PDB file of N, CA and C in Angstrom:
ATOM      1  N   MET A   1      45.992  85.705  21.912  1.00  0.00           N
ATOM      2  CA  MET A   1      45.409  84.610  22.619  1.00  0.00           C
ATOM      3  C   MET A   1      46.570  83.353  22.461  1.00  0.00           C
ATOM      4  N   GLU A   2      46.688  82.708  23.678  1.00  0.00           N
ATOM      5  CA  GLU A   2      47.489  81.738  23.630  1.00  0.00           C
ATOM      6  C   GLU A   2      47.137  80.747  22.588  1.00  0.00           C
ATOM      7  N   PRO A   3      48.200  80.053  21.945  1.00  0.00           N
ATOM      8  CA  PRO A   3      47.919  78.961  20.922  1.00  0.00           C
ATOM      9  C   PRO A   3      47.060  77.702  21.534  1.00  0.00           C
ATOM     10  N   ARG A   4      47.506  77.436  22.702  1.00  0.00           N
ATOM     11  CA  ARG A   4      46.701  76.281  23.480  1.00  0.00           C
ATOM     12  C   ARG A   4      45.300  76.525  23.625  1.00  0.00           C
ATOM     13  N   LYS A   5      44.971  77.747  24.060  1.00  0.00           N
ATOM     14  CA  LYS A   5      43.769  78.137  24.351  1.00  0.00           C
ATOM     15  C   LYS A   5      42.795  78.274  23.006  1.00  0.00           C
ATOM     16  N   VAL A   6      43.424  78.655  21.988  1.00  0.00           N
ATOM     17  CA  VAL A   6      42.875  78.688  20.716  1.00  0.00           C
ATOM     18  C   VAL A   6      42.456  77.211  20.122  1.00  0.00           C
ATOM     19  N   VAL A   7      43.422  76.348  20.399  1.00  0.00           N
ATOM     20  CA  VAL A   7      43.097  74.876  20.020  1.00  0.00           C
ATOM     21  C   VAL A   7      41.792  74.371  20.869  1.00  0.00           C
ATOM     22  N   VAL A   8      41.835  74.668  22.153  1.00  0.00           N
ATOM     23  CA  VAL A   8      40.764  74.179  22.994  1.00  0.00           C
ATOM     24  C   VAL A   8      39.449  74.892  22.495  1.00  0.00           C
ATOM     25  N   LEU A   9      39.370  76.256  22.195  1.00  0.00           N
ATOM     26  CA  LEU A   9      38.152  76.872  21.741  1.00  0.00           C
ATOM     27  C   LEU A   9      37.762  76.221  20.447  1.00  0.00           C
ATOM     28  N   GLU A  10      38.823  75.987  19.580  1.00  0.00           N
ATOM     29  CA  GLU A  10      38.433  75.339  18.138  1.00  0.00           C
ATOM     30  C   GLU A  10      37.815  74.108  18.275  1.00  0.00           C
ATOM     31  N   LYS A  11      38.316  73.245  19.280  1.00  0.00           N
ATOM     32  CA  LYS A  11      37.756  72.019  19.550  1.00  0.00           C
ATOM     33  C   LYS A  11      36.397  72.045  20.041  1.00  0.00           C
ATOM     34  N   ARG A  12      36.089  72.992  20.917  1.00  0.00           N
ATOM     35  CA  ARG A  12      34.659  73.226  21.469  1.00  0.00           C
ATOM     36  C   ARG A  12      33.852  73.685  20.376  1.00  0.00           C
ATOM     37  N   LEU A  13      34.206  74.540  19.566  1.00  0.00           N
ATOM     38  CA  LEU A  13      33.433  75.068  18.463  1.00  0.00           C
ATOM     39  C   LEU A  13      33.032  73.860  17.407  1.00  0.00           C
ATOM     40  N   ILE A  14      34.006  72.997  17.207  1.00  0.00           N
ATOM     41  CA  ILE A  14      33.697  71.803  16.213  1.00  0.00           C
ATOM     42  C   ILE A  14      32.549  70.896  17.045  1.00  0.00           C
ATOM     43  N   LYS A  15      32.772  70.744  18.201  1.00  0.00           N
ATOM     44  CA  LYS A  15      31.976  69.827  19.030  1.00  0.00           C
ATOM     45  C   LYS A  15      30.433  70.558  18.958  1.00  0.00           C
ATOM     46  N   LEU A  16      30.420  71.809  19.208  1.00  0.00           N
ATOM     47  CA  LEU A  16      29.175  72.516  19.214  1.00  0.00           C
ATOM     48  C   LEU A  16      28.433  72.340  17.877  1.00  0.00           C
ATOM     49  N   ASN A  17      29.294  72.562  16.752  1.00  0.00           N
ATOM     50  CA  ASN A  17      28.830  72.589  15.359  1.00  0.00           C
ATOM     51  C   ASN A  17      28.139  71.161  15.091  1.00  0.00           C
ATOM     52  N   HIS A  18      28.811  70.083  15.719  1.00  0.00           N
ATOM     53  CA  HIS A  18      28.448  68.694  15.496  1.00  0.00           C
ATOM     54  C   HIS A  18      27.100  68.405  16.152  1.00  0.00           C
ATOM     55  N   LYS A  19      27.009  69.066  17.391  1.00  0.00           N
ATOM     56  CA  LYS A  19      25.754  68.986  18.200  1.00  0.00           C
ATOM     57  C   LYS A  19      24.551  69.684  17.445  1.00  0.00           C
ATOM     58  N   LEU A  20      24.818  70.731  16.812  1.00  0.00           N
ATOM     59  CA  LEU A  20      23.851  71.587  16.178  1.00  0.00           C
ATOM     60  C   LEU A  20      23.347  70.783  15.105  1.00  0.00           C
ATOM     61  N   ILE A  21      24.306  70.274  14.170  1.00  0.00           N
ATOM     62  CA  ILE A  21      23.830  69.509  13.083  1.00  0.00           C
ATOM     63  C   ILE A  21      23.074  68.294  13.471  1.00  0.00           C
ATOM     64  N   SER A  22      23.451  67.555  14.593  1.00  0.00           N
ATOM     65  CA  SER A  22      22.683  66.399  14.980  1.00  0.00           C
ATOM     66  C   SER A  22      21.264  66.822  15.490  1.00  0.00           C
ATOM     67  N   ARG A  23      21.191  67.802  16.252  1.00  0.00           N
ATOM     68  CA  ARG A  23      19.972  68.337  16.747  1.00  0.00           C
ATOM     69  C   ARG A  23      18.903  68.837  15.596  1.00  0.00           C
ATOM     70  N   GLU A  24      19.436  69.539  14.661  1.00  0.00           N
ATOM     71  CA  GLU A  24      18.775  69.837  13.545  1.00  0.00           C
ATOM     72  C   GLU A  24      18.200  68.749  12.632  1.00  0.00           C
ATOM     73  N   ALA A  25      18.994  67.729  12.688  1.00  0.00           N
ATOM     74  CA  ALA A  25      18.489  66.421  11.980  1.00  0.00           C
ATOM     75  C   ALA A  25      17.396  65.736  12.753  1.00  0.00           C
ATOM     76  N   GLN A  26      17.502  65.794  14.035  1.00  0.00           N
ATOM     77  CA  GLN A  26      16.513  65.194  14.963  1.00  0.00           C
ATOM     78  C   GLN A  26      15.206  65.943  14.870  1.00  0.00           C
ATOM     79  N   LEU A  27      15.383  67.241  14.737  1.00  0.00           N
ATOM     80  CA  LEU A  27      14.147  68.034  14.626  1.00  0.00           C
ATOM     81  C   LEU A  27      13.497  67.733  13.262  1.00  0.00           C
ATOM     82  N   HIS A  28      14.182  67.565  12.058  1.00  0.00           N
ATOM     83  CA  HIS A  28      13.723  67.299  10.896  1.00  0.00           C
ATOM     84  C   HIS A  28      12.923  65.923  11.021  1.00  0.00           C
ATOM     85  N   LEU A  29      13.525  64.925  11.792  1.00  0.00           N
ATOM     86  CA  LEU A  29      12.979  63.690  11.955  1.00  0.00           C
ATOM     87  C   LEU A  29      11.534  63.801  12.727  1.00  0.00           C
ATOM     88  N   LEU A  30      11.561  64.683  13.669  1.00  0.00           N
ATOM     89  CA  LEU A  30      10.304  64.918  14.384  1.00  0.00           C
ATOM     90  C   LEU A  30       9.307  65.497  13.605  1.00  0.00           C
ATOM     91  N   HIS A  31       9.659  66.472  12.832  1.00  0.00           N
ATOM     92  CA  HIS A  31       8.595  67.014  11.728  1.00  0.00           C
ATOM     93  C   HIS A  31       8.125  65.956  10.821  1.00  0.00           C
ATOM     94  N   GLU A  32       8.975  65.124  10.280  1.00  0.00           N
ATOM     95  CA  GLU A  32       8.683  64.257   9.300  1.00  0.00           C
ATOM     96  C   GLU A  32       7.709  63.172  10.036  1.00  0.00           C
ATOM     97  N   THR A  33       7.852  62.768  11.322  1.00  0.00           N
ATOM     98  CA  THR A  33       7.120  61.784  11.983  1.00  0.00           C
ATOM     99  C   THR A  33       5.766  62.165  12.310  1.00  0.00           C
ATOM    100  N   THR A  34       5.611  63.527  12.602  1.00  0.00           N
ATOM    101  CA  THR A  34       4.303  64.103  12.953  1.00  0.00           C
ATOM    102  C   THR A  34       3.420  64.196  11.522  1.00  0.00           C
ATOM    103  N   ASN A  35       4.098  64.149  10.513  1.00  0.00           N
ATOM    104  CA  ASN A  35       3.303  64.249   9.051  1.00  0.00           C
ATOM    105  C   ASN A  35       3.140  63.023   8.463  1.00  0.00           C
ATOM    106  N   ASN A  36       3.525  61.851   9.104  1.00  0.00           N
ATOM    107  CA  ASN A  36       3.574  60.615   8.464  1.00  0.00           C
ATOM    108  C   ASN A  36       2.901  59.573   9.458  1.00  0.00           C
ATOM    109  N   ASP A  37       1.667  59.197   9.101  1.00  0.00           N
ATOM    110  CA  ASP A  37       0.931  58.079  10.046  1.00  0.00           C
ATOM    111  C   ASP A  37       1.783  56.895  10.219  1.00  0.00           C
ATOM    112  N   LEU A  38       2.448  56.311   9.160  1.00  0.00           N
ATOM    113  CA  LEU A  38       3.193  55.183   9.374  1.00  0.00           C
ATOM    114  C   LEU A  38       4.177  55.422  10.369  1.00  0.00           C
ATOM    115  N   LEU A  39       4.982  56.384  10.258  1.00  0.00           N
ATOM    116  CA  LEU A  39       6.088  56.685  11.384  1.00  0.00           C
ATOM    117  C   LEU A  39       5.487  56.903  12.635  1.00  0.00           C
ATOM    118  N   LEU A  40       4.432  57.470  12.853  1.00  0.00           N
ATOM    119  CA  LEU A  40       3.871  57.749  14.067  1.00  0.00           C
ATOM    120  C   LEU A  40       3.313  56.413  14.667  1.00  0.00           C
ATOM    121  N   LYS A  41       2.974  55.588  13.841  1.00  0.00           N
ATOM    122  CA  LYS A  41       2.673  54.038  14.550  1.00  0.00           C
ATOM    123  C   LYS A  41       3.806  53.162  14.817  1.00  0.00           C
ATOM    124  N   SER A  42       4.982  53.593  14.252  1.00  0.00           N
ATOM    125  CA  SER A  42       6.194  52.880  14.536  1.00  0.00           C
ATOM    126  C   SER A  42       6.843  53.258  15.754  1.00  0.00           C
ATOM    127  N   ARG A  43       7.827  52.503  16.123  1.00  0.00           N
ATOM    128  CA  ARG A  43       8.507  52.593  17.312  1.00  0.00           C
ATOM    129  C   ARG A  43       9.829  53.524  17.092  1.00  0.00           C
ATOM    130  N   ILE A  44       9.850  54.331  16.096  1.00  0.00           N
ATOM    131  CA  ILE A  44      11.008  55.232  15.802  1.00  0.00           C
ATOM    132  C   ILE A  44      11.286  56.165  16.944  1.00  0.00           C
ATOM    133  N   LEU A  45      10.400  56.556  17.665  1.00  0.00           N
ATOM    134  CA  LEU A  45      10.430  57.358  18.842  1.00  0.00           C
ATOM    135  C   LEU A  45       9.961  56.628  19.961  1.00  0.00           C
ATOM    136  N   SER A  46      10.396  57.100  21.129  1.00  0.00           N
ATOM    137  CA  SER A  46      10.095  56.409  22.410  1.00  0.00           C
ATOM    138  C   SER A  46       8.548  56.196  22.509  1.00  0.00           C
ATOM    139  N   SER A  47       8.115  55.067  22.840  1.00  0.00           N
ATOM    140  CA  SER A  47       6.656  54.952  22.982  1.00  0.00           C
ATOM    141  C   SER A  47       6.098  55.399  24.284  1.00  0.00           C
ATOM    142  N   VAL A  48       4.847  55.879  24.211  1.00  0.00           N
ATOM    143  CA  VAL A  48       4.100  56.222  25.371  1.00  0.00           C
ATOM    144  C   VAL A  48       3.151  55.088  25.768  1.00  0.00           C
ATOM    145  N   HIS A  49       3.547  53.862  25.502  1.00  0.00           N
ATOM    146  CA  HIS A  49       2.786  52.682  25.638  1.00  0.00           C
ATOM    147  C   HIS A  49       2.575  52.464  27.060  1.00  0.00           C
ATOM    148  N   PRO A  50       1.297  52.426  27.554  1.00  0.00           N
ATOM    149  CA  PRO A  50       0.915  52.127  28.971  1.00  0.00           C
ATOM    150  C   PRO A  50       1.191  50.609  29.286  1.00  0.00           C
ATOM    151  N   LYS A  51       1.299  50.409  30.551  1.00  0.00           N
ATOM    152  CA  LYS A  51       1.296  48.984  30.972  1.00  0.00           C
ATOM    153  C   LYS A  51      -0.107  48.365  30.971  1.00  0.00           C
ATOM    154  N   VAL A  52      -0.370  47.659  29.877  1.00  0.00           N
ATOM    155  CA  VAL A  52      -1.705  47.067  29.775  1.00  0.00           C
ATOM    156  C   VAL A  52      -1.653  45.618  29.718  1.00  0.00           C
ATOM    157  N   GLY A  53      -0.649  45.012  30.260  1.00  0.00           N
ATOM    158  CA  GLY A  53      -0.567  43.535  30.113  1.00  0.00           C
ATOM    159  C   GLY A  53      -0.378  43.004  28.776  1.00  0.00           C
ATOM    160  N   LYS A  54      -1.127  41.884  28.456  1.00  0.00           N
ATOM    161  CA  LYS A  54      -0.944  41.216  27.067  1.00  0.00           C
ATOM    162  C   LYS A  54      -1.708  41.873  25.979  1.00  0.00           C
ATOM    163  N   GLY A  55      -2.539  42.841  26.346  1.00  0.00           N
ATOM    164  CA  GLY A  55      -3.368  43.565  25.499  1.00  0.00           C
ATOM    165  C   GLY A  55      -4.756  43.254  25.602  1.00  0.00           C
ATOM    166  N   TYR A  56      -5.724  43.851  24.878  1.00  0.00           N
ATOM    167  CA  TYR A  56      -7.029  43.661  25.009  1.00  0.00           C
ATOM    168  C   TYR A  56      -7.510  42.387  24.018  1.00  0.00           C
ATOM    169  N   GLY A  57      -8.559  41.752  24.526  1.00  0.00           N
ATOM    170  CA  GLY A  57      -9.080  40.514  23.927  1.00  0.00           C
ATOM    171  C   GLY A  57      -9.964  40.760  22.632  1.00  0.00           C
ATOM    172  N   TYR A  58     -10.278  42.147  22.496  1.00  0.00           N
ATOM    173  CA  TYR A  58     -11.040  42.433  21.447  1.00  0.00           C
ATOM    174  C   TYR A  58     -10.482  43.471  20.490  1.00  0.00           C
ATOM    175  N   MET A  59     -10.435  43.160  19.150  1.00  0.00           N
ATOM    176  CA  MET A  59      -9.663  43.820  18.109  1.00  0.00           C
ATOM    177  C   MET A  59     -10.030  45.364  18.096  1.00  0.00           C
ATOM    178  N   ASP A  60     -11.249  45.772  18.164  1.00  0.00           N
ATOM    179  CA  ASP A  60     -11.717  47.044  18.186  1.00  0.00           C
ATOM    180  C   ASP A  60     -11.109  47.835  19.340  1.00  0.00           C
ATOM    181  N   LEU A  61     -10.935  47.297  20.478  1.00  0.00           N
ATOM    182  CA  LEU A  61     -10.259  47.965  21.617  1.00  0.00           C
ATOM    183  C   LEU A  61      -8.689  48.176  21.280  1.00  0.00           C
ATOM    184  N   GLU A  62      -8.131  47.185  20.646  1.00  0.00           N
ATOM    185  CA  GLU A  62      -6.728  47.288  20.322  1.00  0.00           C
ATOM    186  C   GLU A  62      -6.517  48.396  19.240  1.00  0.00           C
ATOM    187  N   MET A  63      -7.382  48.529  18.237  1.00  0.00           N
ATOM    188  CA  MET A  63      -7.169  49.458  17.483  1.00  0.00           C
ATOM    189  C   MET A  63      -7.539  50.908  17.992  1.00  0.00           C
ATOM    190  N   LYS A  64      -8.423  50.900  18.885  1.00  0.00           N
ATOM    191  CA  LYS A  64      -8.691  52.213  19.542  1.00  0.00           C
ATOM    192  C   LYS A  64      -7.540  52.599  20.361  1.00  0.00           C
ATOM    193  N   LYS A  65      -6.985  51.595  21.060  1.00  0.00           N
ATOM    194  CA  LYS A  65      -5.686  51.923  21.881  1.00  0.00           C
ATOM    195  C   LYS A  65      -4.494  52.433  21.083  1.00  0.00           C
ATOM    196  N   ALA A  66      -4.457  51.715  19.821  1.00  0.00           N
ATOM    197  CA  ALA A  66      -3.368  52.178  18.828  1.00  0.00           C
ATOM    198  C   ALA A  66      -3.543  53.585  18.278  1.00  0.00           C
ATOM    199  N   ALA A  67      -4.794  54.007  18.233  1.00  0.00           N
ATOM    200  CA  ALA A  67      -5.110  55.234  17.693  1.00  0.00           C
ATOM    201  C   ALA A  67      -4.816  56.392  18.694  1.00  0.00           C
ATOM    202  N   ILE A  68      -5.290  56.015  20.083  1.00  0.00           N
ATOM    203  CA  ILE A  68      -5.043  56.842  21.152  1.00  0.00           C
ATOM    204  C   ILE A  68      -3.469  57.133  21.321  1.00  0.00           C
ATOM    205  N   LEU A  69      -2.695  56.060  21.135  1.00  0.00           N
ATOM    206  CA  LEU A  69      -1.174  56.085  21.391  1.00  0.00           C
ATOM    207  C   LEU A  69      -0.656  56.945  20.256  1.00  0.00           C
ATOM    208  N   ALA A  70      -1.148  56.710  19.046  1.00  0.00           N
ATOM    209  CA  ALA A  70      -0.475  57.480  17.812  1.00  0.00           C
ATOM    210  C   ALA A  70      -0.766  58.944  18.113  1.00  0.00           C
ATOM    211  N   GLU A  71      -1.947  59.334  18.572  1.00  0.00           N
ATOM    212  CA  GLU A  71      -2.309  60.768  18.893  1.00  0.00           C
ATOM    213  C   GLU A  71      -1.413  61.254  20.101  1.00  0.00           C
ATOM    214  N   ALA A  72      -1.263  60.415  20.945  1.00  0.00           N
ATOM    215  CA  ALA A  72      -0.489  60.982  22.145  1.00  0.00           C
ATOM    216  C   ALA A  72       0.968  61.280  21.735  1.00  0.00           C
ATOM    217  N   ARG A  73       1.546  60.352  20.996  1.00  0.00           N
ATOM    218  CA  ARG A  73       2.762  60.468  20.495  1.00  0.00           C
ATOM    219  C   ARG A  73       2.924  61.739  19.769  1.00  0.00           C
ATOM    220  N   LYS A  74       2.080  62.012  18.800  1.00  0.00           N
ATOM    221  CA  LYS A  74       2.046  63.187  17.984  1.00  0.00           C
ATOM    222  C   LYS A  74       2.008  64.405  18.685  1.00  0.00           C
ATOM    223  N   ARG A  75       1.094  64.513  19.877  1.00  0.00           N
ATOM    224  CA  ARG A  75       0.896  65.498  20.842  1.00  0.00           C
ATOM    225  C   ARG A  75       2.169  65.898  21.535  1.00  0.00           C
ATOM    226  N   ILE A  76       2.862  64.675  21.929  1.00  0.00           N
ATOM    227  CA  ILE A  76       4.141  64.884  22.712  1.00  0.00           C
ATOM    228  C   ILE A  76       5.236  65.476  21.858  1.00  0.00           C
ATOM    229  N   ILE A  77       5.316  65.025  20.638  1.00  0.00           N
ATOM    230  CA  ILE A  77       6.239  65.536  19.629  1.00  0.00           C
ATOM    231  C   ILE A  77       6.099  67.140  19.363  1.00  0.00           C
ATOM    232  N   LEU A  78       4.704  67.321  19.142  1.00  0.00           N
ATOM    233  CA  LEU A  78       4.435  68.801  18.869  1.00  0.00           C
ATOM    234  C   LEU A  78       4.558  69.627  19.935  1.00  0.00           C
ATOM    235  N   GLU A  79       4.211  69.298  21.115  1.00  0.00           N
ATOM    236  CA  GLU A  79       4.210  70.196  22.241  1.00  0.00           C
ATOM    237  C   GLU A  79       5.404  70.202  23.136  1.00  0.00           C
ATOM    238  N   CYS A  80       6.196  69.119  23.018  1.00  0.00           N
ATOM    239  CA  CYS A  80       7.496  69.003  23.900  1.00  0.00           C
ATOM    240  C   CYS A  80       8.766  68.796  23.023  1.00  0.00           C
ATOM    241  N   SER A  81       8.812  67.900  22.218  1.00  0.00           N
ATOM    242  CA  SER A  81       9.946  67.463  21.554  1.00  0.00           C
ATOM    243  C   SER A  81      10.333  68.474  20.602  1.00  0.00           C
ATOM    244  N   ILE A  82       9.476  69.019  19.692  1.00  0.00           N
ATOM    245  CA  ILE A  82       9.951  69.983  18.701  1.00  0.00           C
ATOM    246  C   ILE A  82      10.299  71.411  19.499  1.00  0.00           C
ATOM    247  N   VAL A  83       9.616  71.655  20.594  1.00  0.00           N
ATOM    248  CA  VAL A  83       9.949  72.914  21.263  1.00  0.00           C
ATOM    249  C   VAL A  83      11.345  72.731  21.972  1.00  0.00           C
ATOM    250  N   GLU A  84      11.596  71.623  22.509  1.00  0.00           N
ATOM    251  CA  GLU A  84      13.023  71.364  23.061  1.00  0.00           C
ATOM    252  C   GLU A  84      14.032  71.402  22.004  1.00  0.00           C
ATOM    253  N   ALA A  85      13.842  70.914  20.767  1.00  0.00           N
ATOM    254  CA  ALA A  85      14.824  70.779  19.832  1.00  0.00           C
ATOM    255  C   ALA A  85      15.021  72.219  19.271  1.00  0.00           C
ATOM    256  N   ASN A  86      13.994  73.092  19.147  1.00  0.00           N
ATOM    257  CA  ASN A  86      14.192  74.455  18.830  1.00  0.00           C
ATOM    258  C   ASN A  86      15.008  75.173  19.790  1.00  0.00           C
ATOM    259  N   ARG A  87      14.759  74.996  21.022  1.00  0.00           N
ATOM    260  CA  ARG A  87      15.414  75.791  22.167  1.00  0.00           C
ATOM    261  C   ARG A  87      16.907  75.372  22.063  1.00  0.00           C
ATOM    262  N   ASP A  88      17.195  74.090  21.854  1.00  0.00           N
ATOM    263  CA  ASP A  88      18.543  73.480  21.904  1.00  0.00           C
ATOM    264  C   ASP A  88      19.286  74.116  20.676  1.00  0.00           C
ATOM    265  N   ILE A  89      18.636  74.231  19.560  1.00  0.00           N
ATOM    266  CA  ILE A  89      19.347  74.773  18.387  1.00  0.00           C
ATOM    267  C   ILE A  89      19.576  76.334  18.501  1.00  0.00           C
ATOM    268  N   LEU A  90      18.558  77.080  19.257  1.00  0.00           N
ATOM    269  CA  LEU A  90      18.955  78.482  19.504  1.00  0.00           C
ATOM    270  C   LEU A  90      20.149  78.585  20.473  1.00  0.00           C
ATOM    271  N   LYS A  91      20.149  77.695  21.414  1.00  0.00           N
ATOM    272  CA  LYS A  91      21.191  77.751  22.479  1.00  0.00           C
ATOM    273  C   LYS A  91      22.536  77.464  21.863  1.00  0.00           C
ATOM    274  N   LEU A  92      22.590  76.320  21.104  1.00  0.00           N
ATOM    275  CA  LEU A  92      23.860  75.993  20.354  1.00  0.00           C
ATOM    276  C   LEU A  92      24.238  77.079  19.376  1.00  0.00           C
ATOM    277  N   GLY A  93      23.406  77.673  18.704  1.00  0.00           N
ATOM    278  CA  GLY A  93      23.620  78.798  17.808  1.00  0.00           C
ATOM    279  C   GLY A  93      24.376  79.842  18.545  1.00  0.00           C
ATOM    280  N   LYS A  94      23.991  80.272  19.753  1.00  0.00           N
ATOM    281  CA  LYS A  94      24.328  81.295  20.390  1.00  0.00           C
ATOM    282  C   LYS A  94      25.744  80.961  20.983  1.00  0.00           C
ATOM    283  N   GLU A  95      25.856  79.671  21.563  1.00  0.00           N
ATOM    284  CA  GLU A  95      27.237  79.420  21.890  1.00  0.00           C
ATOM    285  C   GLU A  95      28.262  79.461  20.713  1.00  0.00           C
ATOM    286  N   ILE A  96      27.991  78.972  19.644  1.00  0.00           N
ATOM    287  CA  ILE A  96      28.725  79.004  18.537  1.00  0.00           C
ATOM    288  C   ILE A  96      29.167  80.374  18.224  1.00  0.00           C
ATOM    289  N   SER A  97      28.186  81.346  18.132  1.00  0.00           N
ATOM    290  CA  SER A  97      28.330  82.620  17.824  1.00  0.00           C
ATOM    291  C   SER A  97      29.250  83.260  18.734  1.00  0.00           C
ATOM    292  N   ASP A  98      29.083  82.986  20.123  1.00  0.00           N
ATOM    293  CA  ASP A  98      29.980  83.585  21.229  1.00  0.00           C
ATOM    294  C   ASP A  98      31.457  83.030  20.981  1.00  0.00           C
ATOM    295  N   LEU A  99      31.517  81.794  20.693  1.00  0.00           N
ATOM    296  CA  LEU A  99      32.911  81.306  20.519  1.00  0.00           C
ATOM    297  C   LEU A  99      33.609  81.900  19.283  1.00  0.00           C
ATOM    298  N   GLU A 100      32.783  82.059  18.268  1.00  0.00           N
ATOM    299  CA  GLU A 100      33.436  82.548  17.010  1.00  0.00           C
ATOM    300  C   GLU A 100      33.806  84.066  17.225  1.00  0.00           C
ATOM    301  N   LYS A 101      33.215  84.713  17.999  1.00  0.00           N
ATOM    302  CA  LYS A 101      33.575  86.183  18.537  1.00  0.00           C
ATOM    303  C   LYS A 101      34.875  86.106  19.173  1.00  0.00           C
ATOM    304  N   VAL A 102      35.023  85.015  20.107  1.00  0.00           N
ATOM    305  CA  VAL A 102      36.302  84.989  20.925  1.00  0.00           C
ATOM    306  C   VAL A 102      37.355  84.524  20.121  1.00  0.00           C
ATOM    307  N   THR A 103      37.142  83.705  19.195  1.00  0.00           N
ATOM    308  CA  THR A 103      38.229  83.151  18.378  1.00  0.00           C
ATOM    309  C   THR A 103      38.489  83.889  17.059  1.00  0.00           C
ATOM    310  N   ASN A 104      37.753  84.935  16.725  1.00  0.00           N
ATOM    311  CA  ASN A 104      37.824  85.790  15.583  1.00  0.00           C
ATOM    312  C   ASN A 104      37.667  84.926  14.277  1.00  0.00           C
ATOM    313  N   PHE A 105      36.716  84.061  14.278  1.00  0.00           N
ATOM    314  CA  PHE A 105      36.571  83.267  12.952  1.00  0.00           C
ATOM    315  C   PHE A 105      35.608  83.878  12.156  1.00  0.00           C
TER     316      PHE A 105
END
C-alpha cells in the first residue's frame, strides 16, 4: 500500500477512535443522568421545555410542570438518546475494525 494512503487511513482511524471515545462518554453521561434526579432537573441536556410564557401563577402547577418535564426528559433519553448512542458506537466500532483490516494494525 502506498505510504501516503496509509497515512490518510491512519488519520481516519485516529479520528474514528476519538469519535468513539467521545460518544461512549456521552452515553455514560446519559445513563448517569437518567439515574440522578438532580441531573434530570438540570439543563445538562437539551430541555424539552414547552413555550408556556412566564410560567404558571400557582406553585403547585409549576411543580407539576417540572415533574412532567423531568419525566419527559428521562423518557427521551431512554428511548432515543441512548439508542442513538449505542447505534453510533456500533457503527464507529465497525468502521474502526474495517480500517484496521485494511491497514493491518
